[in-house]
Every structure is written in C-alpha cells, then in structure tokens.
Protein backbone atom coordinates (compact mmCIF):
# COMPACT_ATOMS: atom_id res chain seq x y z
CA MET A 1 -47.32 16.89 -113.82
CA SER A 2 -50.77 17.33 -112.42
CA ALA A 3 -52.47 20.57 -111.85
CA ASN A 4 -52.93 19.65 -108.26
CA THR A 5 -49.39 18.75 -107.83
CA THR A 6 -48.39 22.27 -109.35
CA ARG A 7 -50.79 23.95 -107.04
CA ALA A 8 -49.69 22.31 -104.05
CA GLU A 9 -46.15 22.78 -104.70
CA GLY A 10 -46.83 26.71 -105.21
CA GLU A 11 -48.70 26.55 -102.08
CA LYS A 12 -45.91 25.35 -100.39
CA GLY A 13 -43.50 27.62 -101.82
CA SER A 14 -45.19 30.55 -100.93
CA GLY A 15 -45.79 28.96 -97.50
CA ASP A 16 -41.71 29.25 -96.86
CA HIS A 17 -42.27 32.83 -96.99
CA ARG A 18 -45.18 33.28 -94.84
CA ILE A 19 -43.19 34.57 -91.93
CA LEU A 20 -40.22 36.41 -94.01
CA VAL A 21 -42.73 38.59 -95.73
CA PRO A 22 -44.06 39.87 -92.92
CA VAL A 23 -40.70 40.64 -91.44
CA LEU A 24 -39.63 42.35 -94.30
CA VAL A 25 -42.43 44.34 -94.48
CA VAL A 26 -42.15 45.59 -90.78
CA LEU A 27 -38.40 46.17 -91.19
CA GLY A 28 -39.28 48.26 -94.04
CA ALA A 29 -41.73 50.40 -91.92
CA VAL A 30 -39.05 50.85 -89.43
CA CYS A 31 -36.41 52.05 -92.28
CA LEU A 32 -39.06 54.50 -93.46
CA LEU A 33 -40.18 55.82 -89.80
CA VAL A 34 -36.36 56.59 -89.13
CA SER A 35 -35.72 58.20 -92.79
CA THR A 36 -39.08 60.44 -92.29
CA ILE A 37 -37.93 61.77 -88.70
CA SER A 38 -34.63 62.52 -90.17
CA VAL A 39 -35.98 64.17 -93.07
CA TRP A 40 -38.38 66.36 -90.88
CA ILE A 41 -35.22 67.38 -88.86
CA ARG A 42 -33.14 68.20 -91.66
CA ASP A 43 -35.69 70.15 -93.69
CA VAL A 44 -36.93 72.30 -90.95
CA ALA A 45 -33.53 72.91 -89.15
CA LEU A 46 -31.11 72.78 -92.14
CA ASP A 47 -32.79 74.65 -94.55
CA PRO A 48 -32.71 78.53 -94.33
CA ASP A 49 -36.08 78.61 -96.49
CA SER A 50 -38.12 76.27 -94.68
CA TRP A 51 -36.66 77.60 -91.23
CA ALA A 52 -37.50 81.01 -92.06
CA ASP A 53 -41.09 80.13 -93.38
CA HIS A 54 -41.54 78.41 -90.13
CA SER A 55 -40.20 81.31 -88.03
CA GLY A 56 -42.37 83.42 -89.77
CA GLN A 57 -45.57 81.45 -89.05
CA LEU A 58 -44.45 81.74 -85.22
CA LEU A 59 -45.64 85.50 -85.23
CA GLU A 60 -49.01 84.33 -86.35
CA SER A 61 -49.48 82.85 -82.81
CA GLU A 62 -50.64 85.32 -80.10
CA ASN A 63 -49.00 83.40 -77.72
CA VAL A 64 -45.52 83.74 -79.11
CA ARG A 65 -45.77 87.49 -79.79
CA ASP A 66 -46.60 88.03 -76.47
CA ALA A 67 -43.73 85.96 -75.16
CA LEU A 68 -41.23 88.10 -77.55
CA ALA A 69 -42.91 91.16 -76.57
CA VAL A 70 -42.34 90.66 -73.03
CA HIS A 71 -38.69 89.71 -73.43
CA ILE A 72 -38.31 92.99 -75.45
CA VAL A 73 -39.74 95.00 -73.28
CA ASP A 74 -38.17 93.70 -69.96
CA GLN A 75 -35.05 94.08 -71.52
CA ALA A 76 -35.82 97.36 -72.73
CA TYR A 77 -36.61 98.28 -69.13
CA ALA A 78 -33.64 96.79 -67.64
CA SER A 79 -31.27 98.38 -69.95
CA ALA A 80 -33.18 101.98 -69.66
CA ASP A 81 -33.66 102.51 -66.14
CA VAL A 82 -37.25 103.99 -66.81
CA GLU A 83 -38.30 104.04 -63.24
CA GLU A 84 -34.97 105.96 -62.40
CA ARG A 85 -35.46 108.17 -65.39
CA LEU A 86 -39.09 108.87 -64.42
CA GLU A 87 -38.25 109.80 -60.90
CA GLU A 88 -35.44 112.32 -62.06
CA ALA A 89 -38.01 113.84 -64.47
CA LEU A 90 -40.96 114.32 -61.58
CA PRO A 91 -41.09 116.88 -59.12
CA GLU A 92 -40.26 116.16 -55.52
CA ARG A 93 -43.44 115.37 -54.09
CA LEU A 94 -44.63 112.99 -57.16
CA LYS A 95 -41.20 111.45 -57.14
CA PRO A 96 -42.94 108.37 -55.02
CA LEU A 97 -45.03 107.96 -57.91
CA ALA A 98 -42.48 106.81 -60.15
CA GLY A 99 -42.61 102.98 -59.41
CA PRO A 100 -46.20 102.64 -60.14
CA ALA A 101 -45.90 104.88 -63.21
CA SER A 102 -43.07 102.80 -64.51
CA SER A 103 -45.32 99.64 -64.20
CA GLN A 104 -48.11 101.15 -65.80
CA LEU A 105 -46.16 102.12 -68.51
CA ARG A 106 -44.50 98.58 -68.81
CA GLY A 107 -47.94 97.00 -69.26
CA VAL A 108 -48.87 99.59 -72.12
CA ALA A 109 -45.45 98.77 -73.33
CA TYR A 110 -46.40 94.82 -73.59
CA GLU A 111 -49.30 95.66 -75.22
CA ARG A 112 -47.88 98.00 -77.93
CA ALA A 113 -44.79 95.87 -78.49
CA SER A 114 -47.23 92.74 -79.14
CA GLN A 115 -49.25 94.91 -81.71
CA ALA A 116 -45.99 96.12 -83.47
CA LEU A 117 -45.22 92.40 -84.16
CA THR A 118 -48.51 92.06 -86.20
CA ARG A 119 -46.99 94.54 -88.72
CA PRO A 120 -45.97 92.87 -91.99
CA ARG A 121 -42.79 95.02 -91.98
CA VAL A 122 -41.70 93.43 -88.48
CA GLN A 123 -42.93 90.13 -89.39
CA GLU A 124 -40.59 90.07 -92.65
CA LEU A 125 -37.87 91.45 -90.60
CA TRP A 126 -38.07 88.76 -88.33
CA ARG A 127 -38.23 86.46 -90.96
CA ALA A 128 -35.43 87.74 -92.92
CA THR A 129 -33.31 87.81 -89.54
CA ASN A 130 -34.09 84.29 -88.72
CA ARG A 131 -33.03 82.80 -92.41
CA ALA A 132 -29.71 84.82 -92.07
CA VAL A 133 -29.16 83.36 -88.66
CA ASN A 134 -29.90 79.81 -90.22
CA ALA A 135 -27.61 80.43 -93.04
CA GLN A 136 -24.84 81.41 -90.85
CA LEU A 137 -25.42 78.35 -88.58
CA LEU A 138 -24.93 76.05 -91.38
CA ALA A 139 -21.99 77.98 -92.76
CA VAL A 140 -20.17 77.42 -89.12
CA ILE A 141 -21.79 73.75 -89.11
CA GLU A 142 -20.18 72.98 -92.63
CA GLY A 143 -16.68 74.53 -91.71
CA GLU A 144 -17.06 77.82 -93.74
CA THR A 145 -15.24 79.30 -90.98
CA GLU A 146 -13.30 81.75 -93.18
CA ARG A 147 -16.14 83.38 -94.41
CA VAL A 148 -18.43 83.01 -91.33
CA GLN A 149 -17.56 82.99 -87.70
CA LEU A 150 -19.54 82.68 -84.23
CA THR A 151 -20.19 85.76 -82.43
CA GLY A 152 -18.06 85.62 -79.47
CA ASP A 153 -18.74 81.86 -78.22
CA ALA A 154 -22.23 81.44 -79.71
CA VAL A 155 -24.42 81.64 -82.87
CA VAL A 156 -27.05 84.26 -82.23
CA LEU A 157 -30.42 85.86 -83.24
CA ASP A 158 -29.54 89.72 -83.29
CA VAL A 159 -32.86 91.24 -82.73
CA ASP A 160 -31.49 94.89 -82.80
CA GLN A 161 -33.84 95.88 -85.94
CA ILE A 162 -36.76 94.60 -84.31
CA VAL A 163 -36.00 96.30 -81.11
CA GLU A 164 -36.13 99.40 -83.23
CA ASN A 165 -39.20 99.12 -85.06
CA VAL A 166 -40.80 97.91 -81.81
CA ALA A 167 -39.54 100.88 -79.74
CA GLY A 168 -40.85 103.33 -82.38
CA ARG A 169 -44.21 101.81 -82.08
CA ILE A 170 -44.24 102.43 -78.36
CA GLY A 171 -42.66 106.00 -78.53
CA VAL A 172 -39.27 105.44 -77.18
CA GLY A 173 -36.98 108.09 -78.44
CA GLU A 174 -34.16 107.41 -80.36
CA GLY A 175 -31.20 107.99 -77.99
CA ALA A 176 -33.16 105.61 -75.51
CA THR A 177 -33.55 103.43 -78.78
CA GLU A 178 -29.57 102.90 -79.27
CA THR A 179 -29.04 102.40 -75.49
CA VAL A 180 -31.73 99.65 -75.53
CA GLN A 181 -30.01 97.96 -78.56
CA GLU A 182 -26.48 98.22 -76.80
CA ARG A 183 -27.93 96.30 -73.90
CA VAL A 184 -30.61 93.87 -75.16
CA GLU A 185 -29.39 90.49 -74.82
CA PRO A 186 -29.61 88.51 -78.50
CA ILE A 187 -31.48 85.14 -78.42
CA VAL A 188 -28.60 82.25 -78.51
CA ILE A 189 -29.10 79.63 -80.89
CA MET A 190 -25.95 77.54 -80.32
CA ARG A 191 -22.67 77.72 -78.30
CA SER A 192 -19.55 76.98 -79.64
CA ASP A 193 -18.76 74.08 -77.47
CA GLN A 194 -21.98 72.18 -78.82
CA LEU A 195 -20.58 72.70 -82.40
CA SER A 196 -18.66 69.40 -82.40
CA THR A 197 -21.86 67.73 -81.43
CA VAL A 198 -23.99 69.45 -83.78
CA GLN A 199 -21.62 68.61 -86.91
CA THR A 200 -21.55 64.88 -85.79
CA ALA A 201 -25.80 65.14 -85.65
CA VAL A 202 -25.91 66.80 -89.14
CA GLU A 203 -23.72 64.12 -90.67
CA ALA A 204 -25.78 61.56 -89.28
CA LEU A 205 -28.76 63.07 -90.25
CA LYS A 206 -27.71 63.36 -93.83
CA ALA A 207 -27.09 59.67 -93.94
CA LEU A 208 -30.52 58.77 -91.75
CA SER A 209 -32.73 60.79 -94.49
CA PHE A 210 -31.41 59.21 -97.55
CA TRP A 211 -30.22 55.46 -97.13
CA PRO A 212 -33.13 54.13 -94.60
CA PHE A 213 -35.75 55.58 -97.24
CA ILE A 214 -33.85 53.29 -100.23
CA LEU A 215 -33.60 50.34 -97.89
CA GLY A 216 -37.14 50.53 -96.89
CA LEU A 217 -38.45 50.63 -100.31
CA ALA A 218 -35.93 47.74 -101.23
CA LEU A 219 -37.28 45.57 -98.14
CA TRP A 220 -41.15 46.23 -99.40
CA ALA A 221 -40.20 45.39 -102.96
CA GLY A 222 -38.60 42.05 -101.63
CA ALA A 223 -41.47 41.34 -99.48
CA ALA A 224 -43.73 41.66 -102.73
CA TYR A 225 -41.41 39.54 -104.74
CA LEU A 226 -41.07 36.76 -102.31
CA ALA A 227 -44.95 36.42 -101.79
CA GLY A 228 -45.51 35.13 -105.08
CA GLY A 229 -49.09 34.29 -105.34
CA ARG A 230 -50.00 36.18 -102.16
CA ARG A 231 -48.86 39.10 -103.45
CA ARG A 232 -51.99 40.96 -102.61
CA GLU A 233 -51.91 40.00 -99.14
CA ALA A 234 -48.34 41.74 -99.07
CA VAL A 235 -49.36 44.88 -100.50
CA ARG A 236 -52.26 44.78 -97.70
CA MET A 237 -49.69 44.51 -95.20
CA ILE A 238 -47.53 47.16 -96.69
CA ALA A 239 -50.86 49.45 -96.94
CA VAL A 240 -51.62 48.83 -93.21
CA SER A 241 -48.00 49.21 -92.33
CA LEU A 242 -48.16 52.94 -93.62
CA ILE A 243 -51.16 53.55 -91.91
CA LEU A 244 -49.72 52.57 -88.74
CA LEU A 245 -46.57 54.74 -89.62
CA GLY A 246 -48.47 57.80 -89.77
CA ILE A 247 -50.46 57.12 -86.56
CA VAL A 248 -46.96 56.52 -84.73
CA LEU A 249 -45.50 59.74 -86.39
CA LEU A 250 -48.70 61.63 -84.83
CA VAL A 251 -48.05 59.89 -81.48
CA ILE A 252 -44.67 60.84 -81.54
CA ARG A 253 -45.48 64.45 -82.16
CA ARG A 254 -47.89 64.27 -79.64
CA LEU A 255 -45.61 62.97 -77.08
CA GLY A 256 -42.48 65.23 -78.15
CA GLY A 257 -44.87 68.18 -77.43
CA ASN A 258 -45.56 67.18 -74.16
CA LEU A 259 -41.81 66.54 -73.11
CA VAL A 260 -40.92 70.06 -74.69
CA VAL A 261 -43.78 72.07 -72.98
CA ASP A 262 -43.88 70.15 -69.54
CA GLY A 263 -40.35 69.12 -69.14
CA LEU A 264 -38.26 71.69 -70.71
CA VAL A 265 -40.01 74.85 -70.12
CA GLU A 266 -40.14 75.83 -66.50
CA ALA A 267 -42.14 79.25 -66.48
CA GLU A 268 -45.86 78.67 -66.64
CA SER A 269 -46.36 82.09 -68.61
CA LEU A 270 -44.23 80.37 -71.53
CA LYS A 271 -45.77 77.03 -72.03
CA ALA A 272 -48.51 78.19 -74.15
CA ALA A 273 -45.87 79.45 -76.53
CA ALA A 274 -43.73 76.69 -76.39
CA ALA A 275 -46.73 74.67 -77.51
CA ASP A 276 -47.33 76.98 -80.58
CA VAL A 277 -43.72 76.86 -81.46
CA TRP A 278 -43.66 73.16 -81.31
CA ALA A 279 -47.08 72.82 -83.58
CA VAL A 280 -45.43 75.04 -86.19
CA PHE A 281 -42.24 73.35 -86.23
CA THR A 282 -43.81 69.93 -86.56
CA SER A 283 -46.28 70.72 -88.95
CA LEU A 284 -44.26 69.04 -91.68
CA LEU A 285 -43.98 65.94 -89.69
CA ALA A 286 -48.22 65.97 -89.19
CA GLU A 287 -48.17 66.39 -93.03
CA SER A 288 -45.91 63.19 -93.32
CA ALA A 289 -48.12 61.23 -91.15
CA ALA A 290 -51.49 62.32 -93.05
CA ALA A 291 -49.98 61.47 -96.37
CA GLY A 292 -48.86 58.18 -95.02
CA ILE A 293 -52.23 57.54 -93.61
CA LEU A 294 -53.99 58.53 -97.11
CA VAL A 295 -51.57 56.45 -99.41
CA GLY A 296 -52.16 53.53 -96.88
CA ALA A 297 -55.75 53.79 -97.27
CA LEU A 298 -55.75 54.21 -100.85
CA ALA A 299 -53.45 50.85 -101.25
CA LEU A 300 -56.04 49.42 -99.02
CA LEU A 301 -58.82 50.29 -101.25
CA GLY A 302 -57.02 48.93 -104.13
CA THR A 303 -56.20 45.61 -102.76
CA TRP A 304 -59.88 45.32 -102.06
CA ALA A 305 -61.14 46.22 -105.41
CA ALA A 306 -58.35 43.61 -106.84
CA GLY A 307 -59.62 40.86 -104.21
CA PRO A 308 -61.91 37.91 -105.00
CA THR A 309 -64.95 39.33 -102.73
CA ALA A 310 -68.24 40.00 -104.54
CA PRO A 311 -68.00 43.55 -104.25
CA GLY A 312 -64.63 43.76 -105.83
CA THR A 313 -65.29 41.44 -108.51
CA ALA A 314 -68.42 43.79 -109.18
CA VAL A 315 -66.09 47.11 -109.49
CA ARG A 316 -63.90 45.17 -111.76
CA ARG A 317 -66.47 43.96 -114.04
CA ARG A 318 -68.21 47.51 -113.90
CA LEU A 319 -64.87 49.47 -114.68
CA ALA A 320 -63.61 46.50 -117.38
CA PRO A 321 -65.35 48.36 -120.30
CA THR A 322 -63.68 51.63 -119.82
CA PHE A 323 -60.68 50.23 -119.08
CA ARG A 324 -60.75 48.49 -122.19
CA GLU A 325 -62.23 50.98 -124.47
CA ARG A 326 -60.35 54.12 -123.04
CA PRO A 327 -56.84 52.89 -121.35
CA ALA A 328 -55.74 56.43 -120.85
CA LEU A 329 -58.52 57.64 -118.95
CA PRO A 330 -57.84 56.12 -115.57
CA HIS A 331 -54.34 57.70 -115.79
CA VAL A 332 -55.78 61.07 -116.63
CA VAL A 333 -57.91 60.88 -113.80
CA LEU A 334 -55.08 59.74 -111.35
CA ALA A 335 -52.81 62.65 -112.91
CA THR A 336 -55.90 65.13 -112.32
CA VAL A 337 -56.14 64.00 -108.78
CA LEU A 338 -52.42 64.02 -107.92
CA LEU A 339 -52.14 67.52 -109.56
CA LEU A 340 -55.12 68.95 -107.41
CA VAL A 341 -53.35 67.29 -104.28
CA LEU A 342 -49.97 68.99 -105.18
CA LEU A 343 -51.77 72.50 -105.67
CA TRP A 344 -53.51 72.01 -102.40
CA GLY A 345 -50.60 71.06 -100.53
CA PRO A 346 -46.92 72.04 -102.12
CA THR A 347 -44.15 69.38 -101.60
CA GLY A 348 -41.99 71.79 -100.22
CA THR A 349 -38.27 71.14 -100.10
CA PRO A 350 -36.72 68.85 -103.06
CA ARG A 351 -36.10 66.00 -100.70
CA ARG A 352 -39.64 65.83 -100.05
CA PHE A 353 -40.25 66.30 -103.77
CA VAL A 354 -38.25 62.85 -104.46
CA SER A 355 -40.84 61.11 -102.03
CA VAL A 356 -43.76 62.40 -103.97
CA LEU A 357 -42.37 61.18 -107.24
CA VAL A 358 -41.72 57.75 -105.88
CA VAL A 359 -45.26 57.43 -104.47
CA THR A 360 -46.63 58.89 -107.73
CA GLY A 361 -44.53 56.55 -110.10
CA LEU A 362 -46.07 53.48 -107.76
CA ALA A 363 -49.56 54.82 -108.07
CA PHE A 364 -49.37 54.63 -111.76
CA VAL A 365 -47.82 51.26 -112.04
CA GLY A 366 -50.40 50.06 -109.84
CA LEU A 367 -53.42 51.38 -111.52
CA GLU A 368 -51.84 50.05 -114.91
CA LEU A 369 -51.46 46.59 -113.65
CA PHE A 370 -54.83 46.86 -112.01
CA ARG A 371 -56.45 48.04 -115.42
CA ARG A 372 -54.60 45.17 -117.20
CA ARG A 373 -55.97 42.52 -114.82
CA THR A 374 -59.36 43.80 -115.08
CA VAL A 375 -59.62 43.85 -118.80
CA ALA A 376 -58.18 40.16 -119.21
CA GLU A 377 -60.55 38.93 -116.27
CA PHE A 378 -63.67 40.43 -118.05
CA PRO A 379 -62.79 40.41 -121.62
CA HIS A 380 -66.24 40.66 -122.84
CA ALA A 381 -68.10 43.07 -120.37
CA VAL A 382 -70.03 45.80 -121.69
CA ARG A 383 -71.18 49.15 -120.31
CA GLY A 384 -74.57 48.51 -118.38
CA GLU A 385 -73.60 45.23 -117.13
CA GLY A 386 -72.55 45.07 -113.27
CA ALA A 387 -74.12 48.32 -112.37
CA TRP A 388 -74.29 49.45 -108.83
CA SER A 389 -77.15 47.38 -107.19
CA PRO A 390 -77.47 44.99 -104.44
CA GLY A 391 -77.54 42.26 -106.85
CA SER A 392 -74.07 42.94 -108.21
CA PHE A 393 -72.56 42.87 -105.01
CA ARG A 394 -74.04 39.35 -104.01
CA ARG A 395 -71.62 37.04 -102.74
CA ALA A 396 -70.19 34.52 -105.32
CA ARG A 397 -68.59 32.38 -102.72
CA THR A 398 -69.00 31.57 -99.06
CA ALA A 399 -66.57 33.04 -96.13
CA ASP A 400 -64.70 30.21 -96.31
CA GLY A 401 -63.79 30.21 -100.03
CA SER A 402 -66.01 27.46 -101.05
CA ALA A 403 -68.64 27.50 -103.91
CA PRO A 404 -72.11 28.47 -102.44
CA PRO A 405 -74.85 25.99 -102.28
CA ALA A 406 -75.86 24.00 -105.34
CA GLU A 407 -79.54 25.29 -104.97
CA ALA A 408 -78.15 29.06 -105.22
CA GLN A 409 -76.64 28.63 -108.22
CA PRO A 410 -79.37 28.21 -110.70
CA ALA A 411 -81.10 31.02 -109.37
CA ALA A 412 -78.11 33.34 -109.54
CA LYS A 413 -77.38 31.98 -113.18
CA LEU A 414 -81.12 32.87 -113.94
CA GLU A 415 -80.91 36.25 -112.80
CA ARG A 416 -77.60 36.83 -114.72
CA LEU A 417 -79.03 35.45 -117.95
CA GLU A 418 -82.14 37.77 -117.41
CA ARG A 419 -80.13 40.86 -117.19
CA LEU A 420 -77.93 39.89 -120.16
CA ALA A 421 -81.42 39.56 -122.18
CA ALA A 422 -82.43 42.81 -120.92
CA LEU A 423 -79.11 44.64 -122.14
CA ARG A 424 -79.44 42.70 -125.48
CA GLU A 425 -82.96 44.25 -125.95
CA ARG A 426 -81.89 47.57 -125.26
CA GLY A 427 -79.34 47.44 -127.86
CA ALA A 428 -76.08 47.49 -124.82
CA LEU A 429 -75.05 44.12 -126.30
CA THR A 430 -74.75 42.55 -129.76
CA ASP A 431 -76.10 39.26 -130.60
CA ASP A 432 -72.14 37.88 -130.39
CA GLU A 433 -71.43 39.49 -127.26
CA TYR A 434 -74.73 38.39 -125.81
CA GLU A 435 -74.03 34.52 -126.86
CA ALA A 436 -70.32 34.93 -125.47
CA GLU A 437 -71.61 35.94 -122.26
CA LYS A 438 -74.27 33.39 -121.94
CA THR A 439 -71.63 30.82 -122.57
CA LEU A 440 -69.53 32.18 -119.86
CA VAL A 441 -72.47 31.99 -117.47
CA LEU A 442 -73.56 28.75 -118.14
CA SER A 443 -70.04 27.10 -117.84
CA GLY A 444 -69.54 29.08 -114.79
C-alpha cells in the first residue's frame, strides 16, 4: 500500500468524525457549565465556612451596613416606643417636641448603628451567627431533626446579640435593650413548608456538581481521541469552549444580578445593598469564569506553539535545546507558576480543589507531550540558533499550506547556512553539529 493511499485513508477516517468531534466538545462544555453552576451554589449555600466567609464580607459594604442598621434601629424604635417615652419624660409645654426629637434621634441612631457594624467584635459575631444558622439549616435539610429543630415554622437568623452590641453603641439602657431583643423580628432564612423542596434541590445539587463534571471531561477526552491526526484542532476547540464558558458564566452573573436587584427588590433604598450582596455571593462564580478564560487562553497558546506556522516552529526550535538538555526545567517552571497562582487565589472548598488538581495534571501532561515532540522535531537544535528575530518568524509555507515559491527557497537556505556558519565560528556549534544541520538545510 502506498504512502499516498495510507494518507488518503487517514484523511477519510478523520473526516468521518469532523462532525462528531465538535458535537462532543459542545456537549462537554454544556456539562461543565451545569457542573460549575451547581458547585458554586453548593459551595456558597451548603458549606458553613464558605457561607460565614461570604456573610462576613457583606459588612465590608457600606450599603449593606446601612440597610442592616436601618432594620435594627427601626425594629428598636417600633418596640421601644421612643416617641411615647420622650413625651412622658418632657415637661408639658415641651411635649410637642417629642416627635421631632424622636426623628432626630433616629437619624443619629442610624449613623451610630452603621458605625457599630464596622467594629471587629460585631463583625465576628455576625460571621459566627451566620455560620451557626447555616449549620442549623443543613442539619434540618439532612434530616438531623432529633438534634436540631426549626424555630417555630422557620429557620431564622437571630440577631439578639448583634442588637445588644449595637444598642450599647448608641447608648440604649440595659432594660430597653432587653425589651428590644424580645421584640426585634429575626431574619427568616427558610420556612417549614419550603423544606421538602429545598431537600430535593440539595440532592439534585449533589448529583449535578459531580457527574456532569466527570461526563464533560469524558466527552472532551473522547473528542480528542476521535480527532486522530486532527487532535490539535480538537484541543483548540476545547480551549475556545473554555473561554466561551467563562464568558457565559460572567453573562449569567450579570443577568442574574439584574433579575435579583430589579425584579425581586421592590424598595429603591435597598437595591444598592442587594447589588452588593449579589456581588459578594457570586464572587466564586466570577473566579470560576476567570479561571476558565485563563486556562482556555493558555491552551490556545499551546496549540499555536505546537502548530505548523512559522512563528510556532521558531518557538519550538528555540526551546528544543533546553527541552533536550534540561527536561525537568519546564516542569519546575510550571510548578512554580501554579504555586504562585494558588498562593494568590486559594482553591477554597475541597470540591474546587479537585478541579484544580485535574487542570494541573492535564497541564503537566500537555507540557511533557509538547516537550517530547519538540525534542523529536529538532534533535540537533543548539542554543543560539532560532533566536527571536524577524527572520526566525519568516513563513515556511504559504497561507494555503503549499511550499513557498521556488525562487524564495534558495535565499532562505542561504540565510540559514550563513547563520549556522556564524554559530560555528562563535563556538556554539561543533563541526559535527554544523554538518548535521547543514545536511538538514540542504535536503529540506
């Protein structure tokens, strides 16, 4: 069987999968999209430490602090009958001033309460309270009802201790503080009639955060396998899909924020706080989007460097001596970069750490395959040849993949021979290496 016949059969075989490979890549991207959103919801809502961390970040927002201060002070005023008490305490002729004075005191109380929420003690109390409530919610959802029960018909965020701290900050007496604590309405997290729906959703999240991720990776691996001789193109499609996946996540975050702020929050005064809450609790989603875009961009860069273009070929020739003489060096560089990235942005929950491990493993495998191919392609390349210069990026082929005009080939060969001779004169090439490279140039 001739080489042309074998090549034709290979091209025909790969052509049979030219539709299937893109389909597998798209399906894999959809699976990873579902998994990423599910993992984000699960990490934020169903991990007490993550929930507490994000809740703690809320008090860093002035809009959220102001909204919470208004809630606490309004509840305090409604339960303590401040205006009535002022009227009782004032002389008869000053009693009409009780209303204006109460309003002025309310404004001062708003400011003092907001300032109190910036105190480390209050913020740590807020964080601990939120963590306890999340743990209670999980216990109820997972059926640990013998140990943890709903408060009445709801899981609530009890702000009594926070009210006590804020009341002390604004100068409310101990007796009034106890009265306020008894009457301040807690923040309802979930009602009992919603429990069944939430339990079903949690079970679905557990499945969707794991199996679509595995299936997506399997579909991408299948696409790369079926691509055969067009594997680089398949990897490029996967890289592009990762970038698009990151963009889609950012769009979802933006549209979801608009829906929450404009559609679900009616009070105009609370929309700024709601926007900040959404931004804090979707920060992990934004990080996942950024990671997908970054990994996709690096994968695209890798497919370009491994491609047949003149720039890619020049890069491989330049790297070949280092890859051959110091095979561990590129892996050390990659490990250093990954370590710096992890130190800059920790992985967070264990489920996200698994994703990082998968990407890291694929990065090292891809780098080793690239290194071996480069060494095999340029076995006699030496340091100094193929240096970064306009001449090293000159096209070896035309845009349609055919050889350049015949009249351009002798000039290119002559230039390369002159460069080899200069390298030998500087001692960068031995006589044997020079002869080997010269033979390759003349036979090319």
